[in-house]
Amino acid sequence: MKYPRNGQYPEQIFSFCKDILFVEQLKKSGFKHTFLIIFVDDPLFYSGNGDGIYGYFRQKKKLSGSVQKPTGRKDETIQLSGCYEVQWIPVSGDLKYTLIEASSGQQVNEGDRE
């Protein structure tokens, strides 16, 4: 579970991508179901400019394959196996969450869970 509180939007978004990679690795190591849940209460995580890495979390751009660190030396790249579409679900006010299941690469909405 992630709940970023201090801005650094491109770095935090890249960190979210690394967390998705981690749950993919858990799935590959034998876990039946692996999830990542992210809560945010800052609209800059889910709205605004959709260029670069922002598009995955602001514009529902498909997140898959190679993802490069967006700041600094840009010397870190991760490789995702799945394909994900981040959908933000409102909680209250600016607070939203997304729940990603690595096993299927699909978004899980509350109404879809049994």
PDB file of N, CA and C in Angstrom:
ATOM      1  N   MET A   1       0.850  -1.165   0.000  1.00  0.00           N
ATOM      2  CA  MET A   1       0.000   0.000   0.000  1.00  0.00           C
ATOM      3  C   MET A   1       0.898   1.231   0.000  1.00  0.00           C
ATOM      4  N   LYS A   2       0.513   2.217  -0.801  1.00  0.00           N
ATOM      5  CA  LYS A   2       1.249   3.474  -0.881  1.00  0.00           C
ATOM      6  C   LYS A   2       0.291   4.621  -0.584  1.00  0.00           C
ATOM      7  N   TYR A   3       0.801   5.640   0.120  1.00  0.00           N
ATOM      8  CA  TYR A   3       0.031   6.862   0.371  1.00  0.00           C
ATOM      9  C   TYR A   3       1.021   8.023   0.432  1.00  0.00           C
ATOM     10  N   PRO A   4       1.477   8.494  -0.737  1.00  0.00           N
ATOM     11  CA  PRO A   4       2.493   9.556  -0.778  1.00  0.00           C
ATOM     12  C   PRO A   4       1.952  10.863  -0.215  1.00  0.00           C
ATOM     13  N   ARG A   5       2.800  11.579   0.512  1.00  0.00           N
ATOM     14  CA  ARG A   5       2.358  12.792   1.190  1.00  0.00           C
ATOM     15  C   ARG A   5       3.216  14.014   0.890  1.00  0.00           C
ATOM     16  N   ASN A   6       4.238  13.902   0.038  1.00  0.00           N
ATOM     17  CA  ASN A   6       5.160  15.035  -0.072  1.00  0.00           C
ATOM     18  C   ASN A   6       5.480  15.445  -1.508  1.00  0.00           C
ATOM     19  N   GLY A   7       4.509  15.379  -2.403  1.00  0.00           N
ATOM     20  CA  GLY A   7       4.771  15.833  -3.771  1.00  0.00           C
ATOM     21  C   GLY A   7       5.731  14.923  -4.507  1.00  0.00           C
ATOM     22  N   GLN A   8       6.743  15.511  -5.139  1.00  0.00           N
ATOM     23  CA  GLN A   8       7.724  14.772  -5.948  1.00  0.00           C
ATOM     24  C   GLN A   8       7.007  13.862  -6.941  1.00  0.00           C
ATOM     25  N   TYR A   9       6.102  14.428  -7.713  1.00  0.00           N
ATOM     26  CA  TYR A   9       5.187  13.649  -8.553  1.00  0.00           C
ATOM     27  C   TYR A   9       5.873  12.685  -9.512  1.00  0.00           C
ATOM     28  N   PRO A  10       6.828  13.120 -10.341  1.00  0.00           N
ATOM     29  CA  PRO A  10       7.413  12.142 -11.264  1.00  0.00           C
ATOM     30  C   PRO A  10       8.155  11.023 -10.534  1.00  0.00           C
ATOM     31  N   GLU A  11       8.836  11.346  -9.452  1.00  0.00           N
ATOM     32  CA  GLU A  11       9.551  10.324  -8.680  1.00  0.00           C
ATOM     33  C   GLU A  11       8.574   9.365  -8.017  1.00  0.00           C
ATOM     34  N   GLN A  12       7.501   9.891  -7.463  1.00  0.00           N
ATOM     35  CA  GLN A  12       6.500   9.032  -6.819  1.00  0.00           C
ATOM     36  C   GLN A  12       5.813   8.132  -7.842  1.00  0.00           C
ATOM     37  N   ILE A  13       5.513   8.673  -9.016  1.00  0.00           N
ATOM     38  CA  ILE A  13       4.869   7.881 -10.062  1.00  0.00           C
ATOM     39  C   ILE A  13       5.805   6.758 -10.516  1.00  0.00           C
ATOM     40  N   PHE A  14       7.087   7.052 -10.657  1.00  0.00           N
ATOM     41  CA  PHE A  14       8.043   5.996 -10.999  1.00  0.00           C
ATOM     42  C   PHE A  14       8.111   4.960  -9.872  1.00  0.00           C
ATOM     43  N   SER A  15       8.033   5.421  -8.643  1.00  0.00           N
ATOM     44  CA  SER A  15       8.013   4.507  -7.503  1.00  0.00           C
ATOM     45  C   SER A  15       6.783   3.598  -7.557  1.00  0.00           C
ATOM     46  N   PHE A  16       5.634   4.143  -7.980  1.00  0.00           N
ATOM     47  CA  PHE A  16       4.438   3.314  -8.163  1.00  0.00           C
ATOM     48  C   PHE A  16       4.718   2.213  -9.188  1.00  0.00           C
ATOM     49  N   CYS A  17       5.391   2.569 -10.274  1.00  0.00           N
ATOM     50  CA  CYS A  17       5.720   1.590 -11.319  1.00  0.00           C
ATOM     51  C   CYS A  17       6.625   0.494 -10.760  1.00  0.00           C
ATOM     52  N   LYS A  18       7.594   0.878  -9.921  1.00  0.00           N
ATOM     53  CA  LYS A  18       8.471  -0.115  -9.297  1.00  0.00           C
ATOM     54  C   LYS A  18       7.677  -1.019  -8.358  1.00  0.00           C
ATOM     55  N   ASP A  19       6.666  -0.468  -7.704  1.00  0.00           N
ATOM     56  CA  ASP A  19       5.819  -1.280  -6.831  1.00  0.00           C
ATOM     57  C   ASP A  19       4.996  -2.283  -7.638  1.00  0.00           C
ATOM     58  N   ILE A  20       4.544  -1.886  -8.811  1.00  0.00           N
ATOM     59  CA  ILE A  20       3.837  -2.818  -9.693  1.00  0.00           C
ATOM     60  C   ILE A  20       4.778  -3.953 -10.083  1.00  0.00           C
ATOM     61  N   LEU A  21       6.013  -3.615 -10.420  1.00  0.00           N
ATOM     62  CA  LEU A  21       7.011  -4.643 -10.740  1.00  0.00           C
ATOM     63  C   LEU A  21       7.189  -5.602  -9.561  1.00  0.00           C
ATOM     64  N   PHE A  22       7.234  -5.069  -8.359  1.00  0.00           N
ATOM     65  CA  PHE A  22       7.393  -5.904  -7.165  1.00  0.00           C
ATOM     66  C   PHE A  22       6.237  -6.896  -7.019  1.00  0.00           C
ATOM     67  N   VAL A  23       4.987  -6.438  -7.200  1.00  0.00           N
ATOM     68  CA  VAL A  23       3.864  -7.377  -7.068  1.00  0.00           C
ATOM     69  C   VAL A  23       3.858  -8.383  -8.220  1.00  0.00           C
ATOM     70  N   GLU A  24       4.358  -7.988  -9.397  1.00  0.00           N
ATOM     71  CA  GLU A  24       4.537  -8.963 -10.485  1.00  0.00           C
ATOM     72  C   GLU A  24       5.535 -10.048 -10.068  1.00  0.00           C
ATOM     73  N   GLN A  25       6.618  -9.646  -9.424  1.00  0.00           N
ATOM     74  CA  GLN A  25       7.632 -10.603  -8.975  1.00  0.00           C
ATOM     75  C   GLN A  25       7.071 -11.540  -7.908  1.00  0.00           C
ATOM     76  N   LEU A  26       6.226 -11.007  -7.023  1.00  0.00           N
ATOM     77  CA  LEU A  26       5.574 -11.862  -6.031  1.00  0.00           C
ATOM     78  C   LEU A  26       4.701 -12.904  -6.714  1.00  0.00           C
ATOM     79  N   LYS A  27       3.965 -12.480  -7.728  1.00  0.00           N
ATOM     80  CA  LYS A  27       3.108 -13.396  -8.477  1.00  0.00           C
ATOM     81  C   LYS A  27       3.948 -14.499  -9.121  1.00  0.00           C
ATOM     82  N   LYS A  28       5.049 -14.111  -9.753  1.00  0.00           N
ATOM     83  CA  LYS A  28       5.920 -15.087 -10.418  1.00  0.00           C
ATOM     84  C   LYS A  28       6.549 -16.064  -9.427  1.00  0.00           C
ATOM     85  N   SER A  29       6.732 -15.624  -8.177  1.00  0.00           N
ATOM     86  CA  SER A  29       7.360 -16.498  -7.179  1.00  0.00           C
ATOM     87  C   SER A  29       6.363 -17.450  -6.523  1.00  0.00           C
ATOM     88  N   GLY A  30       5.087 -17.368  -6.915  1.00  0.00           N
ATOM     89  CA  GLY A  30       4.143 -18.365  -6.437  1.00  0.00           C
ATOM     90  C   GLY A  30       2.916 -17.863  -5.709  1.00  0.00           C
ATOM     91  N   PHE A  31       2.834 -16.575  -5.421  1.00  0.00           N
ATOM     92  CA  PHE A  31       1.628 -16.062  -4.781  1.00  0.00           C
ATOM     93  C   PHE A  31       0.461 -16.160  -5.758  1.00  0.00           C
ATOM     94  N   LYS A  32      -0.696 -16.584  -5.263  1.00  0.00           N
ATOM     95  CA  LYS A  32      -1.861 -16.767  -6.131  1.00  0.00           C
ATOM     96  C   LYS A  32      -2.405 -15.428  -6.629  1.00  0.00           C
ATOM     97  N   HIS A  33      -2.576 -14.470  -5.728  1.00  0.00           N
ATOM     98  CA  HIS A  33      -3.081 -13.142  -6.087  1.00  0.00           C
ATOM     99  C   HIS A  33      -2.169 -12.094  -5.460  1.00  0.00           C
ATOM    100  N   THR A  34      -1.786 -11.104  -6.236  1.00  0.00           N
ATOM    101  CA  THR A  34      -0.958 -10.015  -5.714  1.00  0.00           C
ATOM    102  C   THR A  34      -1.565  -8.688  -6.133  1.00  0.00           C
ATOM    103  N   PHE A  35      -1.638  -7.764  -5.185  1.00  0.00           N
ATOM    104  CA  PHE A  35      -2.285  -6.477  -5.409  1.00  0.00           C
ATOM    105  C   PHE A  35      -1.385  -5.334  -4.962  1.00  0.00           C
ATOM    106  N   LEU A  36      -1.590  -4.203  -5.581  1.00  0.00           N
ATOM    107  CA  LEU A  36      -1.009  -2.941  -5.138  1.00  0.00           C
ATOM    108  C   LEU A  36      -2.161  -1.967  -4.999  1.00  0.00           C
ATOM    109  N   ILE A  37      -2.264  -1.332  -3.840  1.00  0.00           N
ATOM    110  CA  ILE A  37      -3.272  -0.295  -3.650  1.00  0.00           C
ATOM    111  C   ILE A  37      -2.543   1.011  -3.369  1.00  0.00           C
ATOM    112  N   ILE A  38      -2.970   2.056  -4.056  1.00  0.00           N
ATOM    113  CA  ILE A  38      -2.357   3.376  -3.909  1.00  0.00           C
ATOM    114  C   ILE A  38      -3.458   4.360  -3.554  1.00  0.00           C
ATOM    115  N   PHE A  39      -3.268   5.104  -2.476  1.00  0.00           N
ATOM    116  CA  PHE A  39      -4.161   6.186  -2.096  1.00  0.00           C
ATOM    117  C   PHE A  39      -3.438   7.503  -2.339  1.00  0.00           C
ATOM    118  N   VAL A  40      -4.129   8.471  -2.894  1.00  0.00           N
ATOM    119  CA  VAL A  40      -3.572   9.817  -3.065  1.00  0.00           C
ATOM    120  C   VAL A  40      -4.657  10.839  -2.746  1.00  0.00           C
ATOM    121  N   ASP A  41      -4.238  11.974  -2.193  1.00  0.00           N
ATOM    122  CA  ASP A  41      -5.195  13.053  -1.947  1.00  0.00           C
ATOM    123  C   ASP A  41      -4.732  14.361  -2.577  1.00  0.00           C
ATOM    124  N   ASP A  42      -3.794  14.245  -3.488  1.00  0.00           N
ATOM    125  CA  ASP A  42      -3.286  15.403  -4.220  1.00  0.00           C
ATOM    126  C   ASP A  42      -3.669  15.228  -5.690  1.00  0.00           C
ATOM    127  N   PRO A  43      -4.519  16.111  -6.234  1.00  0.00           N
ATOM    128  CA  PRO A  43      -4.980  15.962  -7.618  1.00  0.00           C
ATOM    129  C   PRO A  43      -3.864  15.890  -8.657  1.00  0.00           C
ATOM    130  N   LEU A  44      -2.672  16.358  -8.341  1.00  0.00           N
ATOM    131  CA  LEU A  44      -1.588  16.308  -9.322  1.00  0.00           C
ATOM    132  C   LEU A  44      -1.110  14.883  -9.594  1.00  0.00           C
ATOM    133  N   PHE A  45      -1.526  13.922  -8.792  1.00  0.00           N
ATOM    134  CA  PHE A  45      -1.217  12.527  -9.097  1.00  0.00           C
ATOM    135  C   PHE A  45      -2.159  11.959 -10.147  1.00  0.00           C
ATOM    136  N   TYR A  46      -3.384  12.478 -10.243  1.00  0.00           N
ATOM    137  CA  TYR A  46      -4.366  11.885 -11.153  1.00  0.00           C
ATOM    138  C   TYR A  46      -4.949  12.840 -12.184  1.00  0.00           C
ATOM    139  N   SER A  47      -4.539  14.095 -12.189  1.00  0.00           N
ATOM    140  CA  SER A  47      -5.032  15.029 -13.205  1.00  0.00           C
ATOM    141  C   SER A  47      -3.923  15.999 -13.594  1.00  0.00           C
ATOM    142  N   GLY A  48      -4.085  16.586 -14.770  1.00  0.00           N
ATOM    143  CA  GLY A  48      -3.083  17.523 -15.262  1.00  0.00           C
ATOM    144  C   GLY A  48      -2.436  17.021 -16.533  1.00  0.00           C
ATOM    145  N   ASN A  49      -1.270  17.546 -16.815  1.00  0.00           N
ATOM    146  CA  ASN A  49      -0.504  17.207 -18.008  1.00  0.00           C
ATOM    147  C   ASN A  49      -0.318  15.692 -18.116  1.00  0.00           C
ATOM    148  N   GLY A  50      -0.532  15.141 -19.302  1.00  0.00           N
ATOM    149  CA  GLY A  50      -0.406  13.701 -19.508  1.00  0.00           C
ATOM    150  C   GLY A  50       0.849  13.289 -20.244  1.00  0.00           C
ATOM    151  N   ASP A  51       1.842  14.174 -20.318  1.00  0.00           N
ATOM    152  CA  ASP A  51       3.082  13.844 -21.026  1.00  0.00           C
ATOM    153  C   ASP A  51       3.929  12.859 -20.225  1.00  0.00           C
ATOM    154  N   GLY A  52       4.706  12.067 -20.949  1.00  0.00           N
ATOM    155  CA  GLY A  52       5.671  11.162 -20.325  1.00  0.00           C
ATOM    156  C   GLY A  52       5.035  10.207 -19.342  1.00  0.00           C
ATOM    157  N   ILE A  53       5.703  10.043 -18.212  1.00  0.00           N
ATOM    158  CA  ILE A  53       5.261   9.096 -17.192  1.00  0.00           C
ATOM    159  C   ILE A  53       3.912   9.487 -16.593  1.00  0.00           C
ATOM    160  N   TYR A  54       3.560  10.777 -16.660  1.00  0.00           N
ATOM    161  CA  TYR A  54       2.287  11.234 -16.102  1.00  0.00           C
ATOM    162  C   TYR A  54       1.090  10.583 -16.792  1.00  0.00           C
ATOM    163  N   GLY A  55       1.211  10.266 -18.064  1.00  0.00           N
ATOM    164  CA  GLY A  55       0.096   9.715 -18.826  1.00  0.00           C
ATOM    165  C   GLY A  55      -0.458   8.423 -18.251  1.00  0.00           C
ATOM    166  N   TYR A  56       0.391   7.618 -17.620  1.00  0.00           N
ATOM    167  CA  TYR A  56      -0.057   6.351 -17.038  1.00  0.00           C
ATOM    168  C   TYR A  56      -1.018   6.564 -15.873  1.00  0.00           C
ATOM    169  N   PHE A  57      -0.826   7.645 -15.143  1.00  0.00           N
ATOM    170  CA  PHE A  57      -1.606   7.875 -13.935  1.00  0.00           C
ATOM    171  C   PHE A  57      -2.611   9.011 -14.076  1.00  0.00           C
ATOM    172  N   ARG A  58      -2.503   9.814 -15.128  1.00  0.00           N
ATOM    173  CA  ARG A  58      -3.430  10.934 -15.328  1.00  0.00           C
ATOM    174  C   ARG A  58      -4.353  10.760 -16.527  1.00  0.00           C
ATOM    175  N   GLN A  59      -3.944   9.993 -17.517  1.00  0.00           N
ATOM    176  CA  GLN A  59      -4.696   9.916 -18.774  1.00  0.00           C
ATOM    177  C   GLN A  59      -5.073   8.490 -19.177  1.00  0.00           C
ATOM    178  N   LYS A  60      -4.934   7.527 -18.264  1.00  0.00           N
ATOM    179  CA  LYS A  60      -5.263   6.116 -18.534  1.00  0.00           C
ATOM    180  C   LYS A  60      -4.462   5.518 -19.686  1.00  0.00           C
ATOM    181  N   LYS A  61      -3.269   6.055 -19.920  1.00  0.00           N
ATOM    182  CA  LYS A  61      -2.366   5.469 -20.913  1.00  0.00           C
ATOM    183  C   LYS A  61      -1.956   4.083 -20.418  1.00  0.00           C
ATOM    184  N   LYS A  62      -1.956   3.096 -21.308  1.00  0.00           N
ATOM    185  CA  LYS A  62      -1.596   1.729 -20.926  1.00  0.00           C
ATOM    186  C   LYS A  62      -0.171   1.691 -20.385  1.00  0.00           C
ATOM    187  N   LEU A  63      -0.019   1.102 -19.222  1.00  0.00           N
ATOM    188  CA  LEU A  63       1.274   0.990 -18.554  1.00  0.00           C
ATOM    189  C   LEU A  63       1.790  -0.428 -18.753  1.00  0.00           C
ATOM    190  N   SER A  64       2.846  -0.559 -19.539  1.00  0.00           N
ATOM    191  CA  SER A  64       3.423  -1.877 -19.803  1.00  0.00           C
ATOM    192  C   SER A  64       4.833  -1.709 -20.346  1.00  0.00           C
ATOM    193  N   GLY A  65       5.566  -2.822 -20.340  1.00  0.00           N
ATOM    194  CA  GLY A  65       6.895  -2.807 -20.934  1.00  0.00           C
ATOM    195  C   GLY A  65       7.895  -1.978 -20.155  1.00  0.00           C
ATOM    196  N   SER A  66       8.739  -1.277 -20.886  1.00  0.00           N
ATOM    197  CA  SER A  66       9.842  -0.521 -20.321  1.00  0.00           C
ATOM    198  C   SER A  66       9.377   0.841 -19.802  1.00  0.00           C
ATOM    199  N   VAL A  67       9.762   1.163 -18.554  1.00  0.00           N
ATOM    200  CA  VAL A  67       9.442   2.454 -17.945  1.00  0.00           C
ATOM    201  C   VAL A  67      10.745   3.036 -17.412  1.00  0.00           C
ATOM    202  N   GLN A  68      11.077   4.247 -17.872  1.00  0.00           N
ATOM    203  CA  GLN A  68      12.341   4.886 -17.488  1.00  0.00           C
ATOM    204  C   GLN A  68      12.117   5.909 -16.386  1.00  0.00           C
ATOM    205  N   LYS A  69      13.069   5.980 -15.466  1.00  0.00           N
ATOM    206  CA  LYS A  69      13.060   7.001 -14.421  1.00  0.00           C
ATOM    207  C   LYS A  69      12.990   8.364 -15.104  1.00  0.00           C
ATOM    208  N   PRO A  70      12.031   9.211 -14.706  1.00  0.00           N
ATOM    209  CA  PRO A  70      11.783  10.442 -15.455  1.00  0.00           C
ATOM    210  C   PRO A  70      12.643  11.643 -15.075  1.00  0.00           C
ATOM    211  N   THR A  71      13.398  11.563 -13.994  1.00  0.00           N
ATOM    212  CA  THR A  71      14.155  12.731 -13.537  1.00  0.00           C
ATOM    213  C   THR A  71      15.610  12.361 -13.284  1.00  0.00           C
ATOM    214  N   GLY A  72      16.401  13.379 -13.006  1.00  0.00           N
ATOM    215  CA  GLY A  72      17.813  13.146 -12.709  1.00  0.00           C
ATOM    216  C   GLY A  72      18.551  12.616 -13.921  1.00  0.00           C
ATOM    217  N   ARG A  73      19.394  11.626 -13.693  1.00  0.00           N
ATOM    218  CA  ARG A  73      20.199  11.069 -14.784  1.00  0.00           C
ATOM    219  C   ARG A  73      19.397  10.133 -15.682  1.00  0.00           C
ATOM    220  N   LYS A  74      18.189   9.807 -15.279  1.00  0.00           N
ATOM    221  CA  LYS A  74      17.334   8.895 -16.060  1.00  0.00           C
ATOM    222  C   LYS A  74      18.068   7.592 -16.350  1.00  0.00           C
ATOM    223  N   ASP A  75      18.788   7.105 -15.335  1.00  0.00           N
ATOM    224  CA  ASP A  75      19.637   5.933 -15.510  1.00  0.00           C
ATOM    225  C   ASP A  75      19.010   4.645 -14.992  1.00  0.00           C
ATOM    226  N   GLU A  76      17.727   4.689 -14.670  1.00  0.00           N
ATOM    227  CA  GLU A  76      17.059   3.496 -14.160  1.00  0.00           C
ATOM    228  C   GLU A  76      15.847   3.192 -15.030  1.00  0.00           C
ATOM    229  N   THR A  77      15.730   1.944 -15.438  1.00  0.00           N
ATOM    230  CA  THR A  77      14.600   1.492 -16.249  1.00  0.00           C
ATOM    231  C   THR A  77      14.086   0.193 -15.655  1.00  0.00           C
ATOM    232  N   ILE A  78      12.765   0.056 -15.607  1.00  0.00           N
ATOM    233  CA  ILE A  78      12.173  -1.205 -15.177  1.00  0.00           C
ATOM    234  C   ILE A  78      11.389  -1.797 -16.339  1.00  0.00           C
ATOM    235  N   GLN A  79      11.161  -3.093 -16.276  1.00  0.00           N
ATOM    236  CA  GLN A  79      10.439  -3.798 -17.332  1.00  0.00           C
ATOM    237  C   GLN A  79       9.239  -4.506 -16.715  1.00  0.00           C
ATOM    238  N   LEU A  80       8.037  -4.040 -17.057  1.00  0.00           N
ATOM    239  CA  LEU A  80       6.812  -4.658 -16.562  1.00  0.00           C
ATOM    240  C   LEU A  80       6.363  -5.757 -17.514  1.00  0.00           C
ATOM    241  N   SER A  81       5.869  -6.851 -16.959  1.00  0.00           N
ATOM    242  CA  SER A  81       5.364  -7.962 -17.771  1.00  0.00           C
ATOM    243  C   SER A  81       3.912  -7.757 -18.165  1.00  0.00           C
ATOM    244  N   GLY A  82       3.134  -7.223 -17.247  1.00  0.00           N
ATOM    245  CA  GLY A  82       1.709  -7.038 -17.485  1.00  0.00           C
ATOM    246  C   GLY A  82       1.404  -5.731 -18.184  1.00  0.00           C
ATOM    247  N   CYS A  83       0.132  -5.542 -18.456  1.00  0.00           N
ATOM    248  CA  CYS A  83      -0.365  -4.304 -19.049  1.00  0.00           C
ATOM    249  C   CYS A  83      -1.463  -3.784 -18.128  1.00  0.00           C
ATOM    250  N   TYR A  84      -1.336  -2.529 -17.714  1.00  0.00           N
ATOM    251  CA  TYR A  84      -2.214  -1.976 -16.691  1.00  0.00           C
ATOM    252  C   TYR A  84      -2.829  -0.663 -17.156  1.00  0.00           C
ATOM    253  N   GLU A  85      -4.053  -0.423 -16.710  1.00  0.00           N
ATOM    254  CA  GLU A  85      -4.702   0.869 -16.907  1.00  0.00           C
ATOM    255  C   GLU A  85      -5.098   1.370 -15.526  1.00  0.00           C
ATOM    256  N   VAL A  86      -4.491   2.452 -15.095  1.00  0.00           N
ATOM    257  CA  VAL A  86      -4.738   2.989 -13.761  1.00  0.00           C
ATOM    258  C   VAL A  86      -6.047   3.773 -13.786  1.00  0.00           C
ATOM    259  N   GLN A  87      -6.981   3.339 -12.961  1.00  0.00           N
ATOM    260  CA  GLN A  87      -8.267   4.021 -12.833  1.00  0.00           C
ATOM    261  C   GLN A  87      -8.410   4.477 -11.387  1.00  0.00           C
ATOM    262  N   TRP A  88      -8.584   5.765 -11.213  1.00  0.00           N
ATOM    263  CA  TRP A  88      -8.709   6.326  -9.872  1.00  0.00           C
ATOM    264  C   TRP A  88     -10.165   6.276  -9.434  1.00  0.00           C
ATOM    265  N   ILE A  89     -10.398   5.773  -8.232  1.00  0.00           N
ATOM    266  CA  ILE A  89     -11.739   5.632  -7.678  1.00  0.00           C
ATOM    267  C   ILE A  89     -11.885   6.629  -6.533  1.00  0.00           C
ATOM    268  N   PRO A  90     -12.896   7.523  -6.612  1.00  0.00           N
ATOM    269  CA  PRO A  90     -13.077   8.533  -5.563  1.00  0.00           C
ATOM    270  C   PRO A  90     -13.420   7.908  -4.209  1.00  0.00           C
ATOM    271  N   VAL A  91     -12.887   8.506  -3.147  1.00  0.00           N
ATOM    272  CA  VAL A  91     -13.208   8.098  -1.779  1.00  0.00           C
ATOM    273  C   VAL A  91     -13.962   9.227  -1.096  1.00  0.00           C
ATOM    274  N   SER A  92     -13.302  10.386  -0.962  1.00  0.00           N
ATOM    275  CA  SER A  92     -13.903  11.550  -0.319  1.00  0.00           C
ATOM    276  C   SER A  92     -13.065  12.774  -0.661  1.00  0.00           C
ATOM    277  N   GLY A  93     -13.709  13.824  -1.140  1.00  0.00           N
ATOM    278  CA  GLY A  93     -12.967  15.020  -1.523  1.00  0.00           C
ATOM    279  C   GLY A  93     -11.939  14.694  -2.586  1.00  0.00           C
ATOM    280  N   ASP A  94     -10.695  15.098  -2.356  1.00  0.00           N
ATOM    281  CA  ASP A  94      -9.613  14.819  -3.302  1.00  0.00           C
ATOM    282  C   ASP A  94      -9.032  13.413  -3.153  1.00  0.00           C
ATOM    283  N   LEU A  95      -9.402  12.700  -2.094  1.00  0.00           N
ATOM    284  CA  LEU A  95      -8.843  11.370  -1.844  1.00  0.00           C
ATOM    285  C   LEU A  95      -9.386  10.359  -2.854  1.00  0.00           C
ATOM    286  N   LYS A  96      -8.452   9.668  -3.531  1.00  0.00           N
ATOM    287  CA  LYS A  96      -8.797   8.619  -4.490  1.00  0.00           C
ATOM    288  C   LYS A  96      -7.850   7.446  -4.279  1.00  0.00           C
ATOM    289  N   TYR A  97      -8.255   6.298  -4.817  1.00  0.00           N
ATOM    290  CA  TYR A  97      -7.369   5.139  -4.769  1.00  0.00           C
ATOM    291  C   TYR A  97      -7.438   4.383  -6.079  1.00  0.00           C
ATOM    292  N   THR A  98      -6.417   3.575  -6.314  1.00  0.00           N
ATOM    293  CA  THR A  98      -6.411   2.626  -7.412  1.00  0.00           C
ATOM    294  C   THR A  98      -5.930   1.296  -6.855  1.00  0.00           C
ATOM    295  N   LEU A  99      -6.493   0.222  -7.372  1.00  0.00           N
ATOM    296  CA  LEU A  99      -6.135  -1.123  -6.945  1.00  0.00           C
ATOM    297  C   LEU A  99      -5.749  -1.914  -8.183  1.00  0.00           C
ATOM    298  N   ILE A 100      -4.524  -2.402  -8.199  1.00  0.00           N
ATOM    299  CA  ILE A 100      -4.002  -3.117  -9.364  1.00  0.00           C
ATOM    300  C   ILE A 100      -3.678  -4.543  -8.955  1.00  0.00           C
ATOM    301  N   GLU A 101      -4.201  -5.508  -9.697  1.00  0.00           N
ATOM    302  CA  GLU A 101      -3.875  -6.912  -9.480  1.00  0.00           C
ATOM    303  C   GLU A 101      -2.864  -7.332 -10.533  1.00  0.00           C
ATOM    304  N   ALA A 102      -1.707  -7.768 -10.094  1.00  0.00           N
ATOM    305  CA  ALA A 102      -0.643  -8.130 -11.023  1.00  0.00           C
ATOM    306  C   ALA A 102      -0.937  -9.413 -11.781  1.00  0.00           C
ATOM    307  N   SER A 103      -1.744 -10.286 -11.231  1.00  0.00           N
ATOM    308  CA  SER A 103      -1.966 -11.574 -11.885  1.00  0.00           C
ATOM    309  C   SER A 103      -2.664 -11.437 -13.227  1.00  0.00           C
ATOM    310  N   SER A 104      -3.539 -10.447 -13.358  1.00  0.00           N
ATOM    311  CA  SER A 104      -4.260 -10.300 -14.620  1.00  0.00           C
ATOM    312  C   SER A 104      -3.895  -9.018 -15.345  1.00  0.00           C
ATOM    313  N   GLY A 105      -3.223  -8.104 -14.647  1.00  0.00           N
ATOM    314  CA  GLY A 105      -2.905  -6.821 -15.255  1.00  0.00           C
ATOM    315  C   GLY A 105      -4.115  -5.934 -15.419  1.00  0.00           C
ATOM    316  N   GLN A 106      -5.194  -6.255 -14.731  1.00  0.00           N
ATOM    317  CA  GLN A 106      -6.423  -5.490 -14.857  1.00  0.00           C
ATOM    318  C   GLN A 106      -6.711  -4.736 -13.572  1.00  0.00           C
ATOM    319  N   GLN A 107      -7.408  -3.650 -13.718  1.00  0.00           N
ATOM    320  CA  GLN A 107      -7.883  -2.866 -12.595  1.00  0.00           C
ATOM    321  C   GLN A 107      -8.988  -3.639 -11.890  1.00  0.00           C
ATOM    322  N   VAL A 108      -9.005  -3.617 -10.586  1.00  0.00           N
ATOM    323  CA  VAL A 108     -10.064  -4.261  -9.824  1.00  0.00           C
ATOM    324  C   VAL A 108     -10.903  -3.169  -9.185  1.00  0.00           C
ATOM    325  N   ASN A 109     -12.175  -3.124  -9.527  1.00  0.00           N
ATOM    326  CA  ASN A 109     -13.098  -2.166  -8.929  1.00  0.00           C
ATOM    327  C   ASN A 109     -13.883  -2.871  -7.835  1.00  0.00           C
ATOM    328  N   GLU A 110     -14.316  -2.129  -6.834  1.00  0.00           N
ATOM    329  CA  GLU A 110     -15.029  -2.718  -5.710  1.00  0.00           C
ATOM    330  C   GLU A 110     -16.190  -3.591  -6.167  1.00  0.00           C
ATOM    331  N   GLY A 111     -16.939  -3.182  -7.171  1.00  0.00           N
ATOM    332  CA  GLY A 111     -18.083  -3.941  -7.641  1.00  0.00           C
ATOM    333  C   GLY A 111     -17.710  -5.225  -8.345  1.00  0.00           C
ATOM    334  N   ASP A 112     -16.456  -5.372  -8.749  1.00  0.00           N
ATOM    335  CA  ASP A 112     -16.009  -6.559  -9.477  1.00  0.00           C
ATOM    336  C   ASP A 112     -15.508  -7.661  -8.551  1.00  0.00           C
ATOM    337  N   ARG A 113     -15.273  -7.338  -7.288  1.00  0.00           N
ATOM    338  CA  ARG A 113     -14.709  -8.318  -6.367  1.00  0.00           C
ATOM    339  C   ARG A 113     -15.814  -9.132  -5.729  1.00  0.00           C
ATOM    340  N   GLU A 114     -15.550 -10.405  -5.509  1.00  0.00           N
ATOM    341  CA  GLU A 114     -16.539 -11.291  -4.870  1.00  0.00           C
ATOM    342  C   GLU A 114     -16.224 -11.468  -3.415  1.00  0.00           C
TER     343      GLU A 114
END
